[in-house]
PDB file of all heavy atoms in Angstrom:
ATOM      1  N   LYS A   1     -80.531 -46.950  43.976  1.00  0.00           N
ATOM      2  CA  LYS A   1     -81.469 -46.571  42.893  1.00  0.00           C
ATOM      3  C   LYS A   1     -81.057 -45.212  42.296  1.00  0.00           C
ATOM      4  O   LYS A   1     -81.154 -45.036  41.089  1.00  0.00           O
ATOM      5  CB  LYS A   1     -82.869 -46.401  43.401  1.00  0.00           C
ATOM      6  CG  LYS A   1     -83.929 -46.144  42.407  1.00  0.00           C
ATOM      7  CD  LYS A   1     -85.336 -46.147  42.940  1.00  0.00           C
ATOM      8  CE  LYS A   1     -86.347 -45.932  41.898  1.00  0.00           C
ATOM      9  NZ  LYS A   1     -87.747 -46.048  42.429  1.00  0.00           N
ATOM     10  N   SER A   2     -80.535 -44.284  43.150  1.00  0.00           N
ATOM     11  CA  SER A   2     -80.044 -43.059  42.580  1.00  0.00           C
ATOM     12  C   SER A   2     -78.826 -43.205  41.706  1.00  0.00           C
ATOM     13  O   SER A   2     -78.682 -42.560  40.670  1.00  0.00           O
ATOM     14  CB  SER A   2     -79.757 -42.049  43.698  1.00  0.00           C
ATOM     15  OG  SER A   2     -78.714 -42.450  44.481  1.00  0.00           O
ATOM     16  N   PHE A   3     -77.985 -44.117  42.122  1.00  0.00           N
ATOM     17  CA  PHE A   3     -76.796 -44.426  41.287  1.00  0.00           C
ATOM     18  C   PHE A   3     -77.255 -45.024  39.947  1.00  0.00           C
ATOM     19  O   PHE A   3     -76.663 -44.674  38.955  1.00  0.00           O
ATOM     20  CB  PHE A   3     -75.881 -45.411  42.005  1.00  0.00           C
ATOM     21  CG  PHE A   3     -74.661 -45.864  41.256  1.00  0.00           C
ATOM     22  CD1 PHE A   3     -73.536 -45.059  41.156  1.00  0.00           C
ATOM     23  CD2 PHE A   3     -74.698 -47.098  40.665  1.00  0.00           C
ATOM     24  CE1 PHE A   3     -72.468 -45.514  40.412  1.00  0.00           C
ATOM     25  CE2 PHE A   3     -73.617 -47.576  39.892  1.00  0.00           C
ATOM     26  CZ  PHE A   3     -72.515 -46.698  39.789  1.00  0.00           C
ATOM     27  N   TRP A   4     -78.162 -45.831  40.006  1.00  0.00           N
ATOM     28  CA  TRP A   4     -78.751 -46.520  38.755  1.00  0.00           C
ATOM     29  C   TRP A   4     -79.232 -45.382  37.751  1.00  0.00           C
ATOM     30  O   TRP A   4     -78.851 -45.435  36.617  1.00  0.00           O
ATOM     31  CB  TRP A   4     -79.848 -47.395  39.125  1.00  0.00           C
ATOM     32  CG  TRP A   4     -80.599 -47.987  37.903  1.00  0.00           C
ATOM     33  CD1 TRP A   4     -81.609 -47.358  37.240  1.00  0.00           C
ATOM     34  CD2 TRP A   4     -80.477 -49.299  37.390  1.00  0.00           C
ATOM     35  NE1 TRP A   4     -82.108 -48.162  36.260  1.00  0.00           N
ATOM     36  CE2 TRP A   4     -81.418 -49.387  36.360  1.00  0.00           C
ATOM     37  CE3 TRP A   4     -79.687 -50.387  37.710  1.00  0.00           C
ATOM     38  CZ2 TRP A   4     -81.526 -50.557  35.592  1.00  0.00           C
ATOM     39  CZ3 TRP A   4     -79.809 -51.538  36.890  1.00  0.00           C
ATOM     40  CH2 TRP A   4     -80.720 -51.556  35.871  1.00  0.00           C
ATOM     41  N   LYS A   5     -80.002 -44.460  38.313  1.00  0.00           N
ATOM     42  CA  LYS A   5     -80.556 -43.382  37.451  1.00  0.00           C
ATOM     43  C   LYS A   5     -79.440 -42.567  36.803  1.00  0.00           C
ATOM     44  O   LYS A   5     -79.526 -42.217  35.649  1.00  0.00           O
ATOM     45  CB  LYS A   5     -81.533 -42.570  38.261  1.00  0.00           C
ATOM     46  CG  LYS A   5     -82.802 -43.231  38.647  1.00  0.00           C
ATOM     47  CD  LYS A   5     -83.728 -42.310  39.458  1.00  0.00           C
ATOM     48  CE  LYS A   5     -85.022 -42.994  39.788  1.00  0.00           C
ATOM     49  NZ  LYS A   5     -85.887 -42.142  40.555  1.00  0.00           N
ATOM     50  N   GLU A   6     -78.444 -42.239  37.685  1.00  0.00           N
ATOM     51  CA  GLU A   6     -77.363 -41.458  37.124  1.00  0.00           C
ATOM     52  C   GLU A   6     -76.567 -42.214  36.053  1.00  0.00           C
ATOM     53  O   GLU A   6     -76.227 -41.668  34.990  1.00  0.00           O
ATOM     54  CB  GLU A   6     -76.400 -41.039  38.235  1.00  0.00           C
ATOM     55  CG  GLU A   6     -77.010 -40.103  39.203  1.00  0.00           C
ATOM     56  CD  GLU A   6     -76.118 -39.843  40.423  1.00  0.00           C
ATOM     57  OE1 GLU A   6     -74.989 -40.322  40.410  1.00  0.00           O
ATOM     58  OE2 GLU A   6     -76.579 -39.189  41.395  1.00  0.00           O
ATOM     59  N   THR A   7     -76.287 -43.440  36.291  1.00  0.00           N
ATOM     60  CA  THR A   7     -75.545 -44.246  35.370  1.00  0.00           C
ATOM     61  C   THR A   7     -76.163 -44.515  34.082  1.00  0.00           C
ATOM     62  O   THR A   7     -75.637 -44.169  32.998  1.00  0.00           O
ATOM     63  CB  THR A   7     -75.218 -45.661  36.079  1.00  0.00           C
ATOM     64  OG1 THR A   7     -74.511 -45.448  37.222  1.00  0.00           O
ATOM     65  CG2 THR A   7     -74.401 -46.509  35.129  1.00  0.00           C
ATOM     66  N   PHE A   8     -77.367 -45.051  34.091  1.00  0.00           N
ATOM     67  CA  PHE A   8     -78.025 -45.354  32.839  1.00  0.00           C
ATOM     68  C   PHE A   8     -78.686 -44.160  32.195  1.00  0.00           C
ATOM     69  O   PHE A   8     -78.803 -44.145  30.979  1.00  0.00           O
ATOM     70  CB  PHE A   8     -79.090 -46.534  33.053  1.00  0.00           C
ATOM     71  CG  PHE A   8     -78.397 -47.798  33.242  1.00  0.00           C
ATOM     72  CD1 PHE A   8     -78.331 -48.364  34.507  1.00  0.00           C
ATOM     73  CD2 PHE A   8     -77.908 -48.539  32.158  1.00  0.00           C
ATOM     74  CE1 PHE A   8     -77.707 -49.561  34.726  1.00  0.00           C
ATOM     75  CE2 PHE A   8     -77.212 -49.719  32.333  1.00  0.00           C
ATOM     76  CZ  PHE A   8     -77.187 -50.306  33.675  1.00  0.00           C
ATOM     77  N   GLY A   9     -79.036 -43.104  32.971  1.00  0.00           N
ATOM     78  CA  GLY A   9     -79.494 -41.913  32.337  1.00  0.00           C
ATOM     79  C   GLY A   9     -78.392 -41.211  31.515  1.00  0.00           C
ATOM     80  O   GLY A   9     -78.667 -40.876  30.340  1.00  0.00           O
ATOM     81  N   ARG A  10     -77.288 -41.088  32.079  1.00  0.00           N
ATOM     82  CA  ARG A  10     -76.117 -40.511  31.245  1.00  0.00           C
ATOM     83  C   ARG A  10     -75.763 -41.360  30.059  1.00  0.00           C
ATOM     84  O   ARG A  10     -75.441 -40.859  29.034  1.00  0.00           O
ATOM     85  CB  ARG A  10     -74.916 -40.319  32.214  1.00  0.00           C
ATOM     86  CG  ARG A  10     -75.104 -39.208  33.186  1.00  0.00           C
ATOM     87  CD  ARG A  10     -73.745 -38.681  33.691  1.00  0.00           C
ATOM     88  NE  ARG A  10     -73.003 -39.727  34.359  1.00  0.00           N
ATOM     89  CZ  ARG A  10     -73.027 -39.954  35.661  1.00  0.00           C
ATOM     90  NH1 ARG A  10     -73.773 -39.166  36.486  1.00  0.00           N
ATOM     91  NH2 ARG A  10     -72.345 -40.900  36.196  1.00  0.00           N
ATOM     92  N   LYS A  11     -75.794 -42.714  30.268  1.00  0.00           N
ATOM     93  CA  LYS A  11     -75.396 -43.562  29.206  1.00  0.00           C
ATOM     94  C   LYS A  11     -76.352 -43.489  28.076  1.00  0.00           C
ATOM     95  O   LYS A  11     -75.980 -43.469  26.899  1.00  0.00           O
ATOM     96  CB  LYS A  11     -75.383 -45.064  29.695  1.00  0.00           C
ATOM     97  CG  LYS A  11     -74.699 -46.000  28.826  1.00  0.00           C
ATOM     98  CD  LYS A  11     -73.208 -45.647  28.628  1.00  0.00           C
ATOM     99  CE  LYS A  11     -72.581 -46.634  27.600  1.00  0.00           C
ATOM    100  NZ  LYS A  11     -71.219 -46.295  27.333  1.00  0.00           N
ATOM    101  N   ASP A  12     -77.694 -43.346  28.342  1.00  0.00           N
ATOM    102  CA  ASP A  12     -78.698 -43.220  27.294  1.00  0.00           C
ATOM    103  C   ASP A  12     -78.437 -41.942  26.507  1.00  0.00           C
ATOM    104  O   ASP A  12     -78.505 -41.878  25.330  1.00  0.00           O
ATOM    105  CB  ASP A  12     -80.105 -43.224  27.859  1.00  0.00           C
ATOM    106  CG  ASP A  12     -80.552 -44.606  28.150  1.00  0.00           C
ATOM    107  OD1 ASP A  12     -79.983 -45.603  27.695  1.00  0.00           O
ATOM    108  OD2 ASP A  12     -81.502 -44.760  29.025  1.00  0.00           O
ATOM    109  N   GLU A  13     -78.139 -40.833  27.246  1.00  0.00           N
ATOM    110  CA  GLU A  13     -77.839 -39.620  26.567  1.00  0.00           C
ATOM    111  C   GLU A  13     -76.693 -39.660  25.639  1.00  0.00           C
ATOM    112  O   GLU A  13     -76.714 -39.227  24.524  1.00  0.00           O
ATOM    113  CB  GLU A  13     -77.643 -38.500  27.615  1.00  0.00           C
ATOM    114  CG  GLU A  13     -78.885 -38.194  28.416  1.00  0.00           C
ATOM    115  CD  GLU A  13     -78.616 -37.178  29.606  1.00  0.00           C
ATOM    116  OE1 GLU A  13     -77.399 -36.760  29.699  1.00  0.00           O
ATOM    117  OE2 GLU A  13     -79.509 -36.904  30.393  1.00  0.00           O
ATOM    118  N   LYS A  14     -75.631 -40.304  26.185  1.00  0.00           N
ATOM    119  CA  LYS A  14     -74.404 -40.442  25.310  1.00  0.00           C
ATOM    120  C   LYS A  14     -74.695 -41.273  24.087  1.00  0.00           C
ATOM    121  O   LYS A  14     -74.248 -40.998  22.998  1.00  0.00           O
ATOM    122  CB  LYS A  14     -73.237 -41.027  26.129  1.00  0.00           C
ATOM    123  CG  LYS A  14     -72.715 -40.078  27.119  1.00  0.00           C
ATOM    124  CD  LYS A  14     -71.537 -40.726  27.836  1.00  0.00           C
ATOM    125  CE  LYS A  14     -70.861 -39.767  28.852  1.00  0.00           C
ATOM    126  NZ  LYS A  14     -69.714 -40.415  29.577  1.00  0.00           N
ATOM    127  N   GLY A  15     -75.503 -42.331  24.231  1.00  0.00           N
ATOM    128  CA  GLY A  15     -75.818 -43.190  23.147  1.00  0.00           C
ATOM    129  C   GLY A  15     -76.613 -42.441  22.092  1.00  0.00           C
ATOM    130  O   GLY A  15     -76.384 -42.550  20.906  1.00  0.00           O
ATOM    131  N   SER A  16     -77.529 -41.641  22.532  1.00  0.00           N
ATOM    132  CA  SER A  16     -78.374 -40.881  21.567  1.00  0.00           C
ATOM    133  C   SER A  16     -77.515 -39.826  20.855  1.00  0.00           C
ATOM    134  O   SER A  16     -77.627 -39.625  19.659  1.00  0.00           O
ATOM    135  CB  SER A  16     -79.455 -40.105  22.357  1.00  0.00           C
ATOM    136  OG  SER A  16     -80.345 -41.039  22.952  1.00  0.00           O
ATOM    137  N   GLU A  17     -76.573 -39.170  21.534  1.00  0.00           N
ATOM    138  CA  GLU A  17     -75.749 -38.259  20.895  1.00  0.00           C
ATOM    139  C   GLU A  17     -74.804 -38.933  19.855  1.00  0.00           C
ATOM    140  O   GLU A  17     -74.624 -38.381  18.714  1.00  0.00           O
ATOM    141  CB  GLU A  17     -74.821 -37.552  21.948  1.00  0.00           C
ATOM    142  CG  GLU A  17     -75.563 -36.582  22.849  1.00  0.00           C
ATOM    143  CD  GLU A  17     -74.672 -36.140  24.037  1.00  0.00           C
ATOM    144  OE1 GLU A  17     -73.557 -36.525  24.033  1.00  0.00           O
ATOM    145  OE2 GLU A  17     -75.219 -35.325  24.857  1.00  0.00           O
ATOM    146  N   ARG A  18     -74.316 -40.109  20.190  1.00  0.00           N
ATOM    147  CA  ARG A  18     -73.380 -40.804  19.231  1.00  0.00           C
ATOM    148  C   ARG A  18     -74.217 -41.286  18.046  1.00  0.00           C
ATOM    149  O   ARG A  18     -73.719 -41.344  16.950  1.00  0.00           O
ATOM    150  CB  ARG A  18     -72.746 -41.984  19.953  1.00  0.00           C
ATOM    151  CG  ARG A  18     -71.635 -41.484  20.837  1.00  0.00           C
ATOM    152  CD  ARG A  18     -71.136 -42.631  21.707  1.00  0.00           C
ATOM    153  NE  ARG A  18     -70.014 -42.171  22.617  1.00  0.00           N
ATOM    154  CZ  ARG A  18     -69.638 -42.818  23.654  1.00  0.00           C
ATOM    155  NH1 ARG A  18     -70.213 -43.882  24.052  1.00  0.00           N
ATOM    156  NH2 ARG A  18     -68.640 -42.345  24.388  1.00  0.00           N
ATOM    157  N   GLU A  19     -75.472 -41.660  18.258  1.00  0.00           N
ATOM    158  CA  GLU A  19     -76.311 -42.095  17.145  1.00  0.00           C
ATOM    159  C   GLU A  19     -76.508 -40.956  16.187  1.00  0.00           C
ATOM    160  O   GLU A  19     -76.476 -41.170  14.927  1.00  0.00           O
ATOM    161  CB  GLU A  19     -77.641 -42.693  17.679  1.00  0.00           C
ATOM    162  CG  GLU A  19     -78.523 -43.132  16.552  1.00  0.00           C
ATOM    163  CD  GLU A  19     -78.000 -44.374  15.879  1.00  0.00           C
ATOM    164  OE1 GLU A  19     -77.168 -45.141  16.503  1.00  0.00           O
ATOM    165  OE2 GLU A  19     -78.377 -44.550  14.702  1.00  0.00           O
ATOM    166  N   ARG A  20     -76.770 -39.754  16.697  1.00  0.00           N
ATOM    167  CA  ARG A  20     -76.972 -38.623  15.793  1.00  0.00           C
ATOM    168  C   ARG A  20     -75.668 -38.295  15.069  1.00  0.00           C
ATOM    169  O   ARG A  20     -75.697 -37.964  13.939  1.00  0.00           O
ATOM    170  CB  ARG A  20     -77.377 -37.397  16.711  1.00  0.00           C
ATOM    171  CG  ARG A  20     -78.790 -37.473  17.200  1.00  0.00           C
ATOM    172  CD  ARG A  20     -79.253 -36.127  17.770  1.00  0.00           C
ATOM    173  NE  ARG A  20     -78.508 -35.697  18.917  1.00  0.00           N
ATOM    174  CZ  ARG A  20     -78.842 -35.961  20.126  1.00  0.00           C
ATOM    175  NH1 ARG A  20     -79.831 -36.755  20.392  1.00  0.00           N
ATOM    176  NH2 ARG A  20     -78.063 -35.487  21.106  1.00  0.00           N
ATOM    177  N   ASP A  21     -74.535 -38.440  15.711  1.00  0.00           N
ATOM    178  CA  ASP A  21     -73.250 -38.166  15.069  1.00  0.00           C
ATOM    179  C   ASP A  21     -73.062 -39.120  13.947  1.00  0.00           C
ATOM    180  O   ASP A  21     -72.519 -38.774  12.893  1.00  0.00           O
ATOM    181  CB  ASP A  21     -72.064 -38.299  16.096  1.00  0.00           C
ATOM    182  CG  ASP A  21     -72.085 -37.126  17.143  1.00  0.00           C
ATOM    183  OD1 ASP A  21     -72.717 -36.103  16.804  1.00  0.00           O
ATOM    184  OD2 ASP A  21     -71.473 -37.286  18.141  1.00  0.00           O
ATOM    185  N   ARG A  22     -73.333 -40.420  14.170  1.00  0.00           N
ATOM    186  CA  ARG A  22     -73.158 -41.390  13.067  1.00  0.00           C
ATOM    187  C   ARG A  22     -74.029 -41.061  11.900  1.00  0.00           C
ATOM    188  O   ARG A  22     -73.670 -41.229  10.769  1.00  0.00           O
ATOM    189  CB  ARG A  22     -73.459 -42.750  13.635  1.00  0.00           C
ATOM    190  CG  ARG A  22     -72.467 -43.402  14.502  1.00  0.00           C
ATOM    191  CD  ARG A  22     -72.643 -44.893  14.611  1.00  0.00           C
ATOM    192  NE  ARG A  22     -73.874 -45.294  15.169  1.00  0.00           N
ATOM    193  CZ  ARG A  22     -74.068 -45.463  16.513  1.00  0.00           C
ATOM    194  NH1 ARG A  22     -73.076 -45.205  17.302  1.00  0.00           N
ATOM    195  NH2 ARG A  22     -75.276 -45.779  16.876  1.00  0.00           N
ATOM    196  N   ASN A  23     -75.281 -40.641  12.209  1.00  0.00           N
ATOM    197  CA  ASN A  23     -76.137 -40.306  11.050  1.00  0.00           C
ATOM    198  C   ASN A  23     -75.650 -39.161  10.295  1.00  0.00           C
ATOM    199  O   ASN A  23     -75.846 -39.091   9.052  1.00  0.00           O
ATOM    200  CB  ASN A  23     -77.532 -40.010  11.572  1.00  0.00           C
ATOM    201  CG  ASN A  23     -78.285 -41.258  12.155  1.00  0.00           C
ATOM    202  OD1 ASN A  23     -77.871 -42.359  11.772  1.00  0.00           O
ATOM    203  ND2 ASN A  23     -79.208 -41.025  13.038  1.00  0.00           N
ATOM    204  N   GLU A  24     -75.045 -38.172  11.000  1.00  0.00           N
ATOM    205  CA  GLU A  24     -74.517 -36.977  10.268  1.00  0.00           C
ATOM    206  C   GLU A  24     -73.133 -37.186   9.623  1.00  0.00           C
ATOM    207  O   GLU A  24     -72.900 -36.649   8.573  1.00  0.00           O
ATOM    208  CB  GLU A  24     -74.444 -35.870  11.334  1.00  0.00           C
ATOM    209  CG  GLU A  24     -75.818 -35.482  11.837  1.00  0.00           C
ATOM    210  CD  GLU A  24     -75.750 -34.410  13.002  1.00  0.00           C
ATOM    211  OE1 GLU A  24     -74.651 -34.008  13.288  1.00  0.00           O
ATOM    212  OE2 GLU A  24     -76.788 -34.044  13.474  1.00  0.00           O
ATOM    213  N   LYS A  25     -72.264 -37.886  10.324  1.00  0.00           N
ATOM    214  CA  LYS A  25     -70.858 -37.952   9.859  1.00  0.00           C
ATOM    215  C   LYS A  25     -70.432 -39.389   9.371  1.00  0.00           C
ATOM    216  O   LYS A  25     -69.297 -39.531   8.991  1.00  0.00           O
ATOM    217  CB  LYS A  25     -69.969 -37.549  11.007  1.00  0.00           C
ATOM    218  CG  LYS A  25     -70.262 -36.175  11.533  1.00  0.00           C
ATOM    219  CD  LYS A  25     -69.424 -35.869  12.708  1.00  0.00           C
ATOM    220  CE  LYS A  25     -69.668 -34.455  13.259  1.00  0.00           C
ATOM    221  NZ  LYS A  25     -68.834 -34.128  14.490  1.00  0.00           N
ATOM    222  N   GLY A  26     -71.382 -40.364   9.546  1.00  0.00           N
ATOM    223  CA  GLY A  26     -70.927 -41.703   9.167  1.00  0.00           C
ATOM    224  C   GLY A  26     -70.431 -42.441  10.383  1.00  0.00           C
ATOM    225  O   GLY A  26     -70.328 -41.861  11.464  1.00  0.00           O
TER     226      GLY A  26
END
């Protein structure tokens, strides 16, 4: 369960960051 939280928690953060980048830079 701890591995799950680390894996998908980081993945969600990266996805959000990339979504913001796409909105700003295309």
